[in-house]
């Protein structure tokens, strides 16, 4: 999949530009539904990726792009769910996550890309 982190707040995937966080599930782009995690913002200083939101666990590997500066926190619940479901959880800055998607087997790899901080 051709994905490129353009810069803070923007990513281009297969020629289309996105300015909101996205998930890539089985090769399809969809918005990240992070509203369920917003109430944890005070605890983490930023809206985290939490087990409260729909996470595409139907994969062998989940790549999480943690933002331009790698600031997206993940709750321990997300890490525990990955272990329980035996999903390899890879957390890297979003630019690196985009590079990884170029060679990923999208039948077995899903991704969540945070586009800001």
PDB file of N, CA and C in Angstrom:
ATOM      1  N   UNK A   1       0.856  -1.172   0.000  1.00  0.00           N
ATOM      2  CA  UNK A   1       0.000   0.000   0.000  1.00  0.00           C
ATOM      3  C   UNK A   1       0.896   1.227   0.000  1.00  0.00           C
ATOM      4  N   UNK A   2       0.557   2.178  -0.843  1.00  0.00           N
ATOM      5  CA  UNK A   2       1.341   3.401  -0.941  1.00  0.00           C
ATOM      6  C   UNK A   2       0.788   4.423   0.047  1.00  0.00           C
ATOM      7  N   UNK A   3       1.567   4.684   1.088  1.00  0.00           N
ATOM      8  CA  UNK A   3       1.170   5.650   2.112  1.00  0.00           C
ATOM      9  C   UNK A   3       2.357   6.562   2.387  1.00  0.00           C
ATOM     10  N   UNK A   4       2.048   7.852   2.561  1.00  0.00           N
ATOM     11  CA  UNK A   4       3.114   8.824   2.792  1.00  0.00           C
ATOM     12  C   UNK A   4       2.641   9.842   3.820  1.00  0.00           C
ATOM     13  N   UNK A   5       3.444  10.016   4.868  1.00  0.00           N
ATOM     14  CA  UNK A   5       3.160  11.040   5.864  1.00  0.00           C
ATOM     15  C   UNK A   5       3.624  12.358   5.282  1.00  0.00           C
ATOM     16  N   UNK A   6       2.689  13.227   4.958  1.00  0.00           N
ATOM     17  CA  UNK A   6       3.011  14.502   4.316  1.00  0.00           C
ATOM     18  C   UNK A   6       3.608  15.472   5.325  1.00  0.00           C
ATOM     19  N   UNK A   7       3.069  15.471   6.516  1.00  0.00           N
ATOM     20  CA  UNK A   7       3.512  16.362   7.576  1.00  0.00           C
ATOM     21  C   UNK A   7       2.445  16.411   8.642  1.00  0.00           C
ATOM     22  N   UNK A   8       2.683  17.193   9.640  1.00  0.00           N
ATOM     23  CA  UNK A   8       1.787  17.275  10.793  1.00  0.00           C
ATOM     24  C   UNK A   8       0.324  17.397  10.346  1.00  0.00           C
ATOM     25  N   UNK A   9      -0.465  16.393  10.680  1.00  0.00           N
ATOM     26  CA  UNK A   9      -1.894  16.437  10.403  1.00  0.00           C
ATOM     27  C   UNK A   9      -2.328  15.956   9.032  1.00  0.00           C
ATOM     28  N   UNK A  10      -1.401  15.425   8.219  1.00  0.00           N
ATOM     29  CA  UNK A  10      -1.793  14.993   6.877  1.00  0.00           C
ATOM     30  C   UNK A  10      -1.028  13.764   6.433  1.00  0.00           C
ATOM     31  N   UNK A  11      -1.782  12.840   5.825  1.00  0.00           N
ATOM     32  CA  UNK A  11      -1.187  11.646   5.249  1.00  0.00           C
ATOM     33  C   UNK A  11      -1.836  11.410   3.891  1.00  0.00           C
ATOM     34  N   UNK A  12      -1.070  10.856   2.979  1.00  0.00           N
ATOM     35  CA  UNK A  12      -1.603  10.496   1.669  1.00  0.00           C
ATOM     36  C   UNK A  12      -1.559   8.982   1.549  1.00  0.00           C
ATOM     37  N   UNK A  13      -2.704   8.387   1.226  1.00  0.00           N
ATOM     38  CA  UNK A  13      -2.796   6.940   1.085  1.00  0.00           C
ATOM     39  C   UNK A  13      -3.425   6.645  -0.274  1.00  0.00           C
ATOM     40  N   UNK A  14      -2.671   5.915  -1.085  1.00  0.00           N
ATOM     41  CA  UNK A  14      -3.137   5.559  -2.424  1.00  0.00           C
ATOM     42  C   UNK A  14      -3.656   6.780  -3.181  1.00  0.00           C
ATOM     43  N   UNK A  15      -2.940   7.909  -3.042  1.00  0.00           N
ATOM     44  CA  UNK A  15      -3.265   9.113  -3.782  1.00  0.00           C
ATOM     45  C   UNK A  15      -4.315  10.022  -3.162  1.00  0.00           C
ATOM     46  N   UNK A  16      -4.930   9.588  -2.065  1.00  0.00           N
ATOM     47  CA  UNK A  16      -5.942  10.416  -1.391  1.00  0.00           C
ATOM     48  C   UNK A  16      -5.372  10.973  -0.094  1.00  0.00           C
ATOM     49  N   UNK A  17      -5.631  12.263   0.154  1.00  0.00           N
ATOM     50  CA  UNK A  17      -5.110  12.928   1.342  1.00  0.00           C
ATOM     51  C   UNK A  17      -6.138  12.886   2.468  1.00  0.00           C
ATOM     52  N   UNK A  18      -5.658  12.578   3.678  1.00  0.00           N
ATOM     53  CA  UNK A  18      -6.492  12.523   4.880  1.00  0.00           C
ATOM     54  C   UNK A  18      -5.939  13.496   5.911  1.00  0.00           C
ATOM     55  N   UNK A  19      -6.835  14.139   6.653  1.00  0.00           N
ATOM     56  CA  UNK A  19      -6.406  15.074   7.695  1.00  0.00           C
ATOM     57  C   UNK A  19      -6.942  14.678   9.069  1.00  0.00           C
ATOM     58  N   UNK A  20      -7.527  13.521   9.175  1.00  0.00           N
ATOM     59  CA  UNK A  20      -7.996  12.962  10.447  1.00  0.00           C
ATOM     60  C   UNK A  20      -7.372  11.576  10.607  1.00  0.00           C
ATOM     61  N   UNK A  21      -7.246  11.113  11.838  1.00  0.00           N
ATOM     62  CA  UNK A  21      -6.700   9.785  12.091  1.00  0.00           C
ATOM     63  C   UNK A  21      -7.475   8.740  11.304  1.00  0.00           C
ATOM     64  N   UNK A  22      -6.760   7.725  10.816  1.00  0.00           N
ATOM     65  CA  UNK A  22      -7.388   6.667  10.031  1.00  0.00           C
ATOM     66  C   UNK A  22      -6.957   5.300  10.524  1.00  0.00           C
ATOM     67  N   UNK A  23      -7.749   4.309  10.128  1.00  0.00           N
ATOM     68  CA  UNK A  23      -7.399   2.908  10.313  1.00  0.00           C
ATOM     69  C   UNK A  23      -7.324   2.287   8.927  1.00  0.00           C
ATOM     70  N   UNK A  24      -6.434   1.346   8.759  1.00  0.00           N
ATOM     71  CA  UNK A  24      -6.357   0.576   7.531  1.00  0.00           C
ATOM     72  C   UNK A  24      -6.664  -0.860   7.926  1.00  0.00           C
ATOM     73  N   UNK A  25      -7.781  -1.346   7.434  1.00  0.00           N
ATOM     74  CA  UNK A  25      -8.277  -2.670   7.792  1.00  0.00           C
ATOM     75  C   UNK A  25      -8.423  -3.487   6.522  1.00  0.00           C
ATOM     76  N   UNK A  26      -7.607  -4.535   6.420  1.00  0.00           N
ATOM     77  CA  UNK A  26      -7.627  -5.397   5.231  1.00  0.00           C
ATOM     78  C   UNK A  26      -7.452  -4.573   3.952  1.00  0.00           C
ATOM     79  N   UNK A  27      -6.603  -3.549   4.028  1.00  0.00           N
ATOM     80  CA  UNK A  27      -6.294  -2.740   2.864  1.00  0.00           C
ATOM     81  C   UNK A  27      -7.262  -1.608   2.576  1.00  0.00           C
ATOM     82  N   UNK A  28      -8.267  -1.447   3.404  1.00  0.00           N
ATOM     83  CA  UNK A  28      -9.244  -0.371   3.214  1.00  0.00           C
ATOM     84  C   UNK A  28      -9.066   0.697   4.278  1.00  0.00           C
ATOM     85  N   UNK A  29      -9.175   1.947   3.859  1.00  0.00           N
ATOM     86  CA  UNK A  29      -9.008   3.087   4.762  1.00  0.00           C
ATOM     87  C   UNK A  29     -10.361   3.464   5.342  1.00  0.00           C
ATOM     88  N   UNK A  30     -10.380   3.680   6.657  1.00  0.00           N
ATOM     89  CA  UNK A  30     -11.599   4.143   7.323  1.00  0.00           C
ATOM     90  C   UNK A  30     -11.212   5.060   8.472  1.00  0.00           C
ATOM     91  N   UNK A  31     -12.122   5.917   8.901  1.00  0.00           N
ATOM     92  CA  UNK A  31     -11.781   6.837   9.997  1.00  0.00           C
ATOM     93  C   UNK A  31     -11.574   6.087  11.311  1.00  0.00           C
ATOM     94  N   UNK A  32     -10.681   6.619  12.127  1.00  0.00           N
ATOM     95  CA  UNK A  32     -10.504   6.091  13.488  1.00  0.00           C
ATOM     96  C   UNK A  32     -11.608   6.678  14.354  1.00  0.00           C
ATOM     97  N   UNK A  33     -12.329   5.826  15.044  1.00  0.00           N
ATOM     98  CA  UNK A  33     -13.427   6.250  15.922  1.00  0.00           C
ATOM     99  C   UNK A  33     -12.879   6.430  17.334  1.00  0.00           C
ATOM    100  N   UNK A  34     -12.223   7.567  17.562  1.00  0.00           N
ATOM    101  CA  UNK A  34     -11.525   7.759  18.833  1.00  0.00           C
ATOM    102  C   UNK A  34     -12.362   8.427  19.914  1.00  0.00           C
ATOM    103  N   UNK A  35     -13.608   8.751  19.618  1.00  0.00           N
ATOM    104  CA  UNK A  35     -14.426   9.485  20.590  1.00  0.00           C
ATOM    105  C   UNK A  35     -14.576   8.726  21.908  1.00  0.00           C
ATOM    106  N   UNK A  36     -14.603   7.404  21.865  1.00  0.00           N
ATOM    107  CA  UNK A  36     -14.746   6.619  23.093  1.00  0.00           C
ATOM    108  C   UNK A  36     -13.536   6.773  24.019  1.00  0.00           C
ATOM    109  N   UNK A  37     -12.401   7.156  23.470  1.00  0.00           N
ATOM    110  CA  UNK A  37     -11.180   7.314  24.270  1.00  0.00           C
ATOM    111  C   UNK A  37     -10.992   8.734  24.789  1.00  0.00           C
ATOM    112  N   UNK A  38     -11.797   9.682  24.330  1.00  0.00           N
ATOM    113  CA  UNK A  38     -11.583  11.099  24.678  1.00  0.00           C
ATOM    114  C   UNK A  38     -11.643  11.374  26.175  1.00  0.00           C
ATOM    115  N   UNK A  39     -12.492  10.657  26.895  1.00  0.00           N
ATOM    116  CA  UNK A  39     -12.599  10.948  28.330  1.00  0.00           C
ATOM    117  C   UNK A  39     -11.327  10.584  29.095  1.00  0.00           C
ATOM    118  N   UNK A  40     -10.391   9.895  28.458  1.00  0.00           N
ATOM    119  CA  UNK A  40      -9.111   9.548  29.090  1.00  0.00           C
ATOM    120  C   UNK A  40      -8.036  10.603  28.844  1.00  0.00           C
ATOM    121  N   UNK A  41      -8.375  11.639  28.100  1.00  0.00           N
ATOM    122  CA  UNK A  41      -7.397  12.669  27.741  1.00  0.00           C
ATOM    123  C   UNK A  41      -6.744  13.294  28.973  1.00  0.00           C
ATOM    124  N   UNK A  42      -7.517  13.598  29.996  1.00  0.00           N
ATOM    125  CA  UNK A  42      -6.972  14.205  31.201  1.00  0.00           C
ATOM    126  C   UNK A  42      -5.938  13.327  31.881  1.00  0.00           C
ATOM    127  N   UNK A  43      -6.167  12.039  31.880  1.00  0.00           N
ATOM    128  CA  UNK A  43      -5.256  11.087  32.522  1.00  0.00           C
ATOM    129  C   UNK A  43      -3.941  10.938  31.749  1.00  0.00           C
ATOM    130  N   UNK A  44      -4.018  11.037  30.408  1.00  0.00           N
ATOM    131  CA  UNK A  44      -2.849  10.806  29.559  1.00  0.00           C
ATOM    132  C   UNK A  44      -2.242  12.079  28.980  1.00  0.00           C
ATOM    133  N   UNK A  45      -2.952  13.212  29.108  1.00  0.00           N
ATOM    134  CA  UNK A  45      -2.474  14.453  28.533  1.00  0.00           C
ATOM    135  C   UNK A  45      -2.733  14.544  27.038  1.00  0.00           C
ATOM    136  N   UNK A  46      -3.363  13.543  26.497  1.00  0.00           N
ATOM    137  CA  UNK A  46      -3.650  13.428  25.061  1.00  0.00           C
ATOM    138  C   UNK A  46      -4.685  12.310  24.947  1.00  0.00           C
ATOM    139  N   UNK A  47      -5.565  12.382  23.968  1.00  0.00           N
ATOM    140  CA  UNK A  47      -6.512  11.277  23.772  1.00  0.00           C
ATOM    141  C   UNK A  47      -5.712  10.037  23.376  1.00  0.00           C
ATOM    142  N   UNK A  48      -5.716   8.992  24.201  1.00  0.00           N
ATOM    143  CA  UNK A  48      -4.908   7.803  23.899  1.00  0.00           C
ATOM    144  C   UNK A  48      -5.621   6.867  22.926  1.00  0.00           C
ATOM    145  N   UNK A  49      -4.897   5.892  22.455  1.00  0.00           N
ATOM    146  CA  UNK A  49      -5.518   4.746  21.800  1.00  0.00           C
ATOM    147  C   UNK A  49      -5.893   3.811  22.938  1.00  0.00           C
ATOM    148  N   UNK A  50      -7.192   3.573  23.089  1.00  0.00           N
ATOM    149  CA  UNK A  50      -7.631   2.738  24.210  1.00  0.00           C
ATOM    150  C   UNK A  50      -8.513   1.597  23.726  1.00  0.00           C
ATOM    151  N   UNK A  51      -8.686   0.645  24.599  1.00  0.00           N
ATOM    152  CA  UNK A  51      -9.524  -0.521  24.320  1.00  0.00           C
ATOM    153  C   UNK A  51     -11.005  -0.155  24.223  1.00  0.00           C
ATOM    154  N   UNK A  52     -11.341   1.086  24.528  1.00  0.00           N
ATOM    155  CA  UNK A  52     -12.727   1.533  24.451  1.00  0.00           C
ATOM    156  C   UNK A  52     -13.184   1.778  23.016  1.00  0.00           C
ATOM    157  N   UNK A  53     -12.235   1.958  22.124  1.00  0.00           N
ATOM    158  CA  UNK A  53     -12.605   2.217  20.730  1.00  0.00           C
ATOM    159  C   UNK A  53     -12.435   0.945  19.896  1.00  0.00           C
ATOM    160  N   UNK A  54     -13.075   0.891  18.739  1.00  0.00           N
ATOM    161  CA  UNK A  54     -12.943  -0.310  17.899  1.00  0.00           C
ATOM    162  C   UNK A  54     -11.534  -0.412  17.317  1.00  0.00           C
ATOM    163  N   UNK A  55     -10.863  -1.479  17.642  1.00  0.00           N
ATOM    164  CA  UNK A  55      -9.498  -1.707  17.160  1.00  0.00           C
ATOM    165  C   UNK A  55      -9.542  -2.941  16.257  1.00  0.00           C
ATOM    166  N   UNK A  56      -8.954  -2.858  15.074  1.00  0.00           N
ATOM    167  CA  UNK A  56      -9.031  -3.973  14.125  1.00  0.00           C
ATOM    168  C   UNK A  56      -8.065  -5.110  14.473  1.00  0.00           C
ATOM    169  N   UNK A  57      -8.496  -5.976  15.400  1.00  0.00           N
ATOM    170  CA  UNK A  57      -7.651  -7.066  15.881  1.00  0.00           C
ATOM    171  C   UNK A  57      -7.612  -8.260  14.938  1.00  0.00           C
ATOM    172  N   UNK A  58      -8.361  -8.235  13.855  1.00  0.00           N
ATOM    173  CA  UNK A  58      -8.415  -9.382  12.951  1.00  0.00           C
ATOM    174  C   UNK A  58      -7.199  -9.408  12.015  1.00  0.00           C
ATOM    175  N   UNK A  59      -6.025  -9.549  12.625  1.00  0.00           N
ATOM    176  CA  UNK A  59      -4.769  -9.515  11.883  1.00  0.00           C
ATOM    177  C   UNK A  59      -3.693 -10.213  12.708  1.00  0.00           C
ATOM    178  N   UNK A  60      -2.557 -10.460  12.073  1.00  0.00           N
ATOM    179  CA  UNK A  60      -1.396 -10.989  12.788  1.00  0.00           C
ATOM    180  C   UNK A  60      -0.541  -9.855  13.341  1.00  0.00           C
ATOM    181  N   UNK A  61      -0.574  -8.697  12.637  1.00  0.00           N
ATOM    182  CA  UNK A  61       0.234  -7.547  13.040  1.00  0.00           C
ATOM    183  C   UNK A  61      -0.623  -6.293  12.972  1.00  0.00           C
ATOM    184  N   UNK A  62      -0.538  -5.469  14.025  1.00  0.00           N
ATOM    185  CA  UNK A  62      -1.197  -4.172  14.049  1.00  0.00           C
ATOM    186  C   UNK A  62      -0.113  -3.106  14.178  1.00  0.00           C
ATOM    187  N   UNK A  63      -0.008  -2.274  13.149  1.00  0.00           N
ATOM    188  CA  UNK A  63       0.950  -1.166  13.159  1.00  0.00           C
ATOM    189  C   UNK A  63       0.221   0.071  13.670  1.00  0.00           C
ATOM    190  N   UNK A  64       0.773   0.697  14.688  1.00  0.00           N
ATOM    191  CA  UNK A  64       0.196   1.934  15.213  1.00  0.00           C
ATOM    192  C   UNK A  64       1.183   3.065  14.951  1.00  0.00           C
ATOM    193  N   UNK A  65       0.762   3.997  14.099  1.00  0.00           N
ATOM    194  CA  UNK A  65       1.549   5.202  13.861  1.00  0.00           C
ATOM    195  C   UNK A  65       1.214   6.188  14.964  1.00  0.00           C
ATOM    196  N   UNK A  66       2.184   6.519  15.783  1.00  0.00           N
ATOM    197  CA  UNK A  66       1.943   7.292  17.004  1.00  0.00           C
ATOM    198  C   UNK A  66       2.062   8.802  16.821  1.00  0.00           C
ATOM    199  N   UNK A  67       2.025   9.272  15.571  1.00  0.00           N
ATOM    200  CA  UNK A  67       2.034  10.705  15.313  1.00  0.00           C
ATOM    201  C   UNK A  67       3.362  11.204  14.778  1.00  0.00           C
ATOM    202  N   UNK A  68       3.378  12.482  14.452  1.00  0.00           N
ATOM    203  CA  UNK A  68       4.574  13.111  13.892  1.00  0.00           C
ATOM    204  C   UNK A  68       5.759  13.011  14.848  1.00  0.00           C
ATOM    205  N   UNK A  69       5.489  13.166  16.133  1.00  0.00           N
ATOM    206  CA  UNK A  69       6.545  13.144  17.148  1.00  0.00           C
ATOM    207  C   UNK A  69       6.460  11.925  18.065  1.00  0.00           C
ATOM    208  N   UNK A  70       5.584  10.979  17.723  1.00  0.00           N
ATOM    209  CA  UNK A  70       5.471   9.752  18.510  1.00  0.00           C
ATOM    210  C   UNK A  70       4.791   9.938  19.851  1.00  0.00           C
ATOM    211  N   UNK A  71       3.848  10.873  19.933  1.00  0.00           N
ATOM    212  CA  UNK A  71       3.251  11.226  21.220  1.00  0.00           C
ATOM    213  C   UNK A  71       1.932  10.520  21.549  1.00  0.00           C
ATOM    214  N   UNK A  72       1.363   9.729  20.630  1.00  0.00           N
ATOM    215  CA  UNK A  72       0.096   9.055  20.925  1.00  0.00           C
ATOM    216  C   UNK A  72       0.314   7.986  21.991  1.00  0.00           C
ATOM    217  N   UNK A  73      -0.317   8.137  23.158  1.00  0.00           N
ATOM    218  CA  UNK A  73      -0.176   7.090  24.172  1.00  0.00           C
ATOM    219  C   UNK A  73      -1.107   5.916  23.879  1.00  0.00           C
ATOM    220  N   UNK A  74      -0.694   4.736  24.281  1.00  0.00           N
ATOM    221  CA  UNK A  74      -1.529   3.535  24.211  1.00  0.00           C
ATOM    222  C   UNK A  74      -1.800   3.102  25.641  1.00  0.00           C
ATOM    223  N   UNK A  75      -3.042   2.747  25.914  1.00  0.00           N
ATOM    224  CA  UNK A  75      -3.356   2.284  27.265  1.00  0.00           C
ATOM    225  C   UNK A  75      -2.814   0.867  27.462  1.00  0.00           C
ATOM    226  N   UNK A  76      -2.646   0.501  28.708  1.00  0.00           N
ATOM    227  CA  UNK A  76      -2.218  -0.865  29.015  1.00  0.00           C
ATOM    228  C   UNK A  76      -3.275  -1.860  28.531  1.00  0.00           C
ATOM    229  N   UNK A  77      -4.536  -1.441  28.514  1.00  0.00           N
ATOM    230  CA  UNK A  77      -5.601  -2.313  28.014  1.00  0.00           C
ATOM    231  C   UNK A  77      -5.410  -2.697  26.559  1.00  0.00           C
ATOM    232  N   UNK A  78      -4.907  -1.786  25.744  1.00  0.00           N
ATOM    233  CA  UNK A  78      -4.617  -2.085  24.340  1.00  0.00           C
ATOM    234  C   UNK A  78      -3.469  -3.088  24.255  1.00  0.00           C
ATOM    235  N   UNK A  79      -2.437  -2.848  25.031  1.00  0.00           N
ATOM    236  CA  UNK A  79      -1.286  -3.764  25.012  1.00  0.00           C
ATOM    237  C   UNK A  79      -1.686  -5.159  25.494  1.00  0.00           C
ATOM    238  N   UNK A  80      -2.527  -5.216  26.522  1.00  0.00           N
ATOM    239  CA  UNK A  80      -2.997  -6.508  27.037  1.00  0.00           C
ATOM    240  C   UNK A  80      -3.874  -7.216  26.006  1.00  0.00           C
ATOM    241  N   UNK A  81      -4.726  -6.464  25.325  1.00  0.00           N
ATOM    242  CA  UNK A  81      -5.589  -7.063  24.303  1.00  0.00           C
ATOM    243  C   UNK A  81      -4.751  -7.638  23.164  1.00  0.00           C
ATOM    244  N   UNK A  82      -3.688  -6.945  22.790  1.00  0.00           N
ATOM    245  CA  UNK A  82      -2.810  -7.456  21.730  1.00  0.00           C
ATOM    246  C   UNK A  82      -2.175  -8.781  22.153  1.00  0.00           C
ATOM    247  N   UNK A  83      -1.709  -8.836  23.391  1.00  0.00           N
ATOM    248  CA  UNK A  83      -1.115 -10.090  23.891  1.00  0.00           C
ATOM    249  C   UNK A  83      -2.150 -11.205  23.919  1.00  0.00           C
ATOM    250  N   UNK A  84      -3.337 -10.897  24.428  1.00  0.00           N
ATOM    251  CA  UNK A  84      -4.400 -11.903  24.540  1.00  0.00           C
ATOM    252  C   UNK A  84      -4.807 -12.436  23.168  1.00  0.00           C
ATOM    253  N   UNK A  85      -4.888 -11.542  22.184  1.00  0.00           N
ATOM    254  CA  UNK A  85      -5.305 -11.951  20.842  1.00  0.00           C
ATOM    255  C   UNK A  85      -4.138 -12.448  19.990  1.00  0.00           C
ATOM    256  N   UNK A  86      -2.939 -12.430  20.579  1.00  0.00           N
ATOM    257  CA  UNK A  86      -1.719 -12.876  19.901  1.00  0.00           C
ATOM    258  C   UNK A  86      -1.467 -12.087  18.626  1.00  0.00           C
ATOM    259  N   UNK A  87      -1.651 -10.767  18.718  1.00  0.00           N
ATOM    260  CA  UNK A  87      -1.390  -9.848  17.621  1.00  0.00           C
ATOM    261  C   UNK A  87      -0.078  -9.122  17.923  1.00  0.00           C
ATOM    262  N   UNK A  88       0.821  -9.113  16.958  1.00  0.00           N
ATOM    263  CA  UNK A  88       2.066  -8.361  17.112  1.00  0.00           C
ATOM    264  C   UNK A  88       1.727  -6.876  17.032  1.00  0.00           C
ATOM    265  N   UNK A  89       2.016  -6.158  18.088  1.00  0.00           N
ATOM    266  CA  UNK A  89       1.725  -4.728  18.164  1.00  0.00           C
ATOM    267  C   UNK A  89       3.008  -3.952  17.895  1.00  0.00           C
ATOM    268  N   UNK A  90       3.014  -3.175  16.819  1.00  0.00           N
ATOM    269  CA  UNK A  90       4.188  -2.395  16.425  1.00  0.00           C
ATOM    270  C   UNK A  90       3.835  -0.924  16.573  1.00  0.00           C
ATOM    271  N   UNK A  91       4.548  -0.201  17.423  1.00  0.00           N
ATOM    272  CA  UNK A  91       4.289   1.230  17.616  1.00  0.00           C
ATOM    273  C   UNK A  91       5.504   2.012  17.148  1.00  0.00           C
ATOM    274  N   UNK A  92       5.281   2.857  16.149  1.00  0.00           N
ATOM    275  CA  UNK A  92       6.336   3.675  15.557  1.00  0.00           C
ATOM    276  C   UNK A  92       5.735   5.027  15.180  1.00  0.00           C
ATOM    277  N   UNK A  93       6.579   6.013  14.942  1.00  0.00           N
ATOM    278  CA  UNK A  93       6.077   7.300  14.460  1.00  0.00           C
ATOM    279  C   UNK A  93       5.326   7.065  13.147  1.00  0.00           C
ATOM    280  N   UNK A  94       4.393   7.942  12.845  1.00  0.00           N
ATOM    281  CA  UNK A  94       3.521   7.735  11.696  1.00  0.00           C
ATOM    282  C   UNK A  94       4.277   7.680  10.372  1.00  0.00           C
ATOM    283  N   UNK A  95       5.316   8.464  10.206  1.00  0.00           N
ATOM    284  CA  UNK A  95       6.095   8.400   8.961  1.00  0.00           C
ATOM    285  C   UNK A  95       6.668   7.009   8.749  1.00  0.00           C
ATOM    286  N   UNK A  96       7.190   6.400   9.810  1.00  0.00           N
ATOM    287  CA  UNK A  96       7.734   5.044   9.719  1.00  0.00           C
ATOM    288  C   UNK A  96       6.617   4.034   9.474  1.00  0.00           C
ATOM    289  N   UNK A  97       5.464   4.226  10.108  1.00  0.00           N
ATOM    290  CA  UNK A  97       4.328   3.325   9.881  1.00  0.00           C
ATOM    291  C   UNK A  97       3.936   3.333   8.405  1.00  0.00           C
ATOM    292  N   UNK A  98       3.943   4.506   7.787  1.00  0.00           N
ATOM    293  CA  UNK A  98       3.625   4.612   6.359  1.00  0.00           C
ATOM    294  C   UNK A  98       4.643   3.837   5.525  1.00  0.00           C
ATOM    295  N   UNK A  99       5.906   3.949   5.862  1.00  0.00           N
ATOM    296  CA  UNK A  99       6.946   3.201   5.131  1.00  0.00           C
ATOM    297  C   UNK A  99       6.730   1.700   5.301  1.00  0.00           C
ATOM    298  N   UNK A 100       6.352   1.270   6.486  1.00  0.00           N
ATOM    299  CA  UNK A 100       6.123  -0.155   6.742  1.00  0.00           C
ATOM    300  C   UNK A 100       4.952  -0.686   5.920  1.00  0.00           C
ATOM    301  N   UNK A 101       3.942   0.133   5.707  1.00  0.00           N
ATOM    302  CA  UNK A 101       2.775  -0.304   4.947  1.00  0.00           C
ATOM    303  C   UNK A 101       3.116  -0.633   3.495  1.00  0.00           C
ATOM    304  N   UNK A 102       4.183  -0.034   2.977  1.00  0.00           N
ATOM    305  CA  UNK A 102       4.579  -0.281   1.587  1.00  0.00           C
ATOM    306  C   UNK A 102       4.935  -1.744   1.346  1.00  0.00           C
ATOM    307  N   UNK A 103       5.446  -2.411   2.371  1.00  0.00           N
ATOM    308  CA  UNK A 103       5.870  -3.803   2.208  1.00  0.00           C
ATOM    309  C   UNK A 103       5.027  -4.776   3.033  1.00  0.00           C
ATOM    310  N   UNK A 104       4.004  -4.280   3.693  1.00  0.00           N
ATOM    311  CA  UNK A 104       3.181  -5.126   4.567  1.00  0.00           C
ATOM    312  C   UNK A 104       2.241  -6.014   3.760  1.00  0.00           C
ATOM    313  N   UNK A 105       2.005  -7.195   4.285  1.00  0.00           N
ATOM    314  CA  UNK A 105       0.985  -8.083   3.726  1.00  0.00           C
ATOM    315  C   UNK A 105      -0.343  -7.634   4.317  1.00  0.00           C
ATOM    316  N   UNK A 106      -1.145  -6.928   3.531  1.00  0.00           N
ATOM    317  CA  UNK A 106      -2.376  -6.332   4.051  1.00  0.00           C
ATOM    318  C   UNK A 106      -3.454  -7.355   4.361  1.00  0.00           C
ATOM    319  N   UNK A 107      -3.245  -8.596   3.995  1.00  0.00           N
ATOM    320  CA  UNK A 107      -4.177  -9.649   4.399  1.00  0.00           C
ATOM    321  C   UNK A 107      -3.987  -9.975   5.884  1.00  0.00           C
ATOM    322  N   UNK A 108      -2.772  -9.712   6.404  1.00  0.00           N
ATOM    323  CA  UNK A 108      -2.445 -10.047   7.787  1.00  0.00           C
ATOM    324  C   UNK A 108      -2.043  -8.847   8.629  1.00  0.00           C
ATOM    325  N   UNK A 109      -2.055  -7.642   8.045  1.00  0.00           N
ATOM    326  CA  UNK A 109      -1.594  -6.442   8.749  1.00  0.00           C
ATOM    327  C   UNK A 109      -2.651  -5.356   8.676  1.00  0.00           C
ATOM    328  N   UNK A 110      -3.021  -4.820   9.834  1.00  0.00           N
ATOM    329  CA  UNK A 110      -3.891  -3.650   9.923  1.00  0.00           C
ATOM    330  C   UNK A 110      -3.076  -2.514  10.522  1.00  0.00           C
ATOM    331  N   UNK A 111      -3.618  -1.307  10.441  1.00  0.00           N
ATOM    332  CA  UNK A 111      -2.878  -0.153  10.964  1.00  0.00           C
ATOM    333  C   UNK A 111      -3.827   0.903  11.508  1.00  0.00           C
ATOM    334  N   UNK A 112      -3.325   1.663  12.454  1.00  0.00           N
ATOM    335  CA  UNK A 112      -3.994   2.852  12.969  1.00  0.00           C
ATOM    336  C   UNK A 112      -2.961   3.968  12.863  1.00  0.00           C
ATOM    337  N   UNK A 113      -3.330   5.047  12.182  1.00  0.00           N
ATOM    338  CA  UNK A 113      -2.391   6.147  11.970  1.00  0.00           C
ATOM    339  C   UNK A 113      -2.892   7.415  12.640  1.00  0.00           C
ATOM    340  N   UNK A 114      -2.137   7.893  13.619  1.00  0.00           N
ATOM    341  CA  UNK A 114      -2.408   9.165  14.282  1.00  0.00           C
ATOM    342  C   UNK A 114      -1.642  10.231  13.510  1.00  0.00           C
ATOM    343  N   UNK A 115      -2.299  11.330  13.155  1.00  0.00           N
ATOM    344  CA  UNK A 115      -1.698  12.270  12.216  1.00  0.00           C
ATOM    345  C   UNK A 115      -1.089  13.515  12.827  1.00  0.00           C
ATOM    346  N   UNK A 116      -1.375  13.799  14.078  1.00  0.00           N
ATOM    347  CA  UNK A 116      -0.796  15.004  14.669  1.00  0.00           C
ATOM    348  C   UNK A 116       0.338  14.620  15.619  1.00  0.00           C
ATOM    349  N   UNK A 117       0.449  15.257  16.743  1.00  0.00           N
ATOM    350  CA  UNK A 117       1.574  15.148  17.664  1.00  0.00           C
ATOM    351  C   UNK A 117       2.189  13.762  17.716  1.00  0.00           C
TER     352      UNK A 117
END
